Amino acid sequence: FNGSVQYEFIYHNLDTLFLKDLTNFNRKLMQHLVWYNTKRPHLSLDLKSPLQYVLDNDQNSRMWWTSTRFVLS
């Protein structure tokens, strides 16, 4: 994930980063992350986006969810 974001986004937006326009850089980064998780095909997910993969495999995905509740003893 980090390598993909670095290669696909940061390297192509260095001009914004070097201009120290962090607000614009962060806005572009958020747009990229939304695209990355909703539209971009992933080879490891049979060329589906993570969102599409979860929607297609909802039944299997729920099997692996764990509780994160903190229990006091």
Protein backbone atom coordinates (compact mmCIF):
# COMPACT_ATOMS: atom_id res chain seq x y z
CA PHE A 1 0.00 0.00 0.00
CA ASN A 2 2.65 2.55 1.00
CA GLY A 3 4.72 1.77 -2.08
CA SER A 4 1.68 2.16 -4.32
CA VAL A 5 0.73 5.50 -2.78
CA GLN A 6 4.31 6.70 -2.96
CA TYR A 7 4.75 5.71 -6.60
CA GLU A 8 1.25 6.51 -7.89
CA PHE A 9 0.61 9.71 -5.97
CA ILE A 10 3.53 11.31 -4.16
CA TYR A 11 6.02 11.11 -7.02
CA HIS A 12 3.45 12.72 -9.33
CA ASN A 13 2.61 15.50 -6.86
CA LEU A 14 6.06 16.54 -5.66
CA ASP A 15 5.53 20.02 -7.10
CA THR A 16 2.63 20.61 -4.68
CA LEU A 17 4.64 19.22 -1.79
CA PHE A 18 7.71 21.32 -2.60
CA LEU A 19 5.54 24.44 -2.81
CA LYS A 20 4.57 23.65 0.79
CA ASP A 21 0.91 23.81 -0.15
CA LEU A 22 -0.03 21.13 2.38
CA THR A 23 -3.75 21.89 2.29
CA ASN A 24 -3.88 21.25 -1.45
CA PHE A 25 -1.55 18.24 -1.14
CA ASN A 26 -3.77 16.68 1.56
CA ARG A 27 -6.92 17.35 -0.50
CA LYS A 28 -5.36 15.62 -3.51
CA LEU A 29 -4.15 12.75 -1.32
CA MET A 30 -7.64 12.17 0.08
CA GLN A 31 -9.07 12.14 -3.45
CA HIS A 32 -6.42 9.63 -4.46
CA LEU A 33 -7.14 7.37 -1.48
CA VAL A 34 -10.86 7.38 -2.24
CA TRP A 35 -10.09 6.45 -5.86
CA TYR A 36 -7.54 3.83 -4.72
CA ASN A 37 -10.11 2.06 -2.53
CA THR A 38 -13.22 2.46 -4.69
CA LYS A 39 -12.15 2.46 -8.35
CA ARG A 40 -8.56 1.23 -8.83
CA PRO A 41 -8.31 -2.46 -9.81
CA HIS A 42 -6.00 -4.52 -7.59
CA LEU A 43 -4.23 -7.54 -9.02
CA SER A 44 -4.45 -9.43 -5.71
CA LEU A 45 -8.24 -8.94 -5.70
CA ASP A 46 -8.83 -10.36 -9.19
CA LEU A 47 -8.69 -6.85 -10.69
CA LYS A 48 -11.47 -5.57 -8.44
CA SER A 49 -11.34 -2.49 -6.27
CA PRO A 50 -11.25 -3.14 -2.50
CA LEU A 51 -14.79 -1.81 -2.24
CA GLN A 52 -16.07 -4.07 -5.01
CA TYR A 53 -14.25 -7.04 -3.48
CA VAL A 54 -15.93 -6.48 -0.10
CA LEU A 55 -19.33 -6.04 -1.72
CA ASP A 56 -18.90 -9.23 -3.76
CA ASN A 57 -17.59 -11.23 -0.79
CA ASP A 58 -19.70 -9.78 2.00
CA GLN A 59 -20.67 -13.15 3.43
CA ASN A 60 -17.06 -14.30 3.64
CA SER A 61 -15.83 -10.94 4.93
CA ARG A 62 -18.11 -11.04 7.95
CA MET A 63 -16.67 -14.39 9.00
CA TRP A 64 -13.36 -12.74 9.81
CA TRP A 65 -14.56 -9.68 11.74
CA THR A 66 -13.44 -9.58 15.34
CA SER A 67 -14.74 -7.69 18.30
CA THR A 68 -12.63 -4.78 19.46
CA ARG A 69 -14.53 -4.19 22.69
CA PHE A 70 -12.46 -3.78 25.79
CA VAL A 71 -13.59 -6.09 28.57
CA LEU A 72 -12.75 -5.35 32.20
CA SER A 73 -12.21 -8.33 34.44
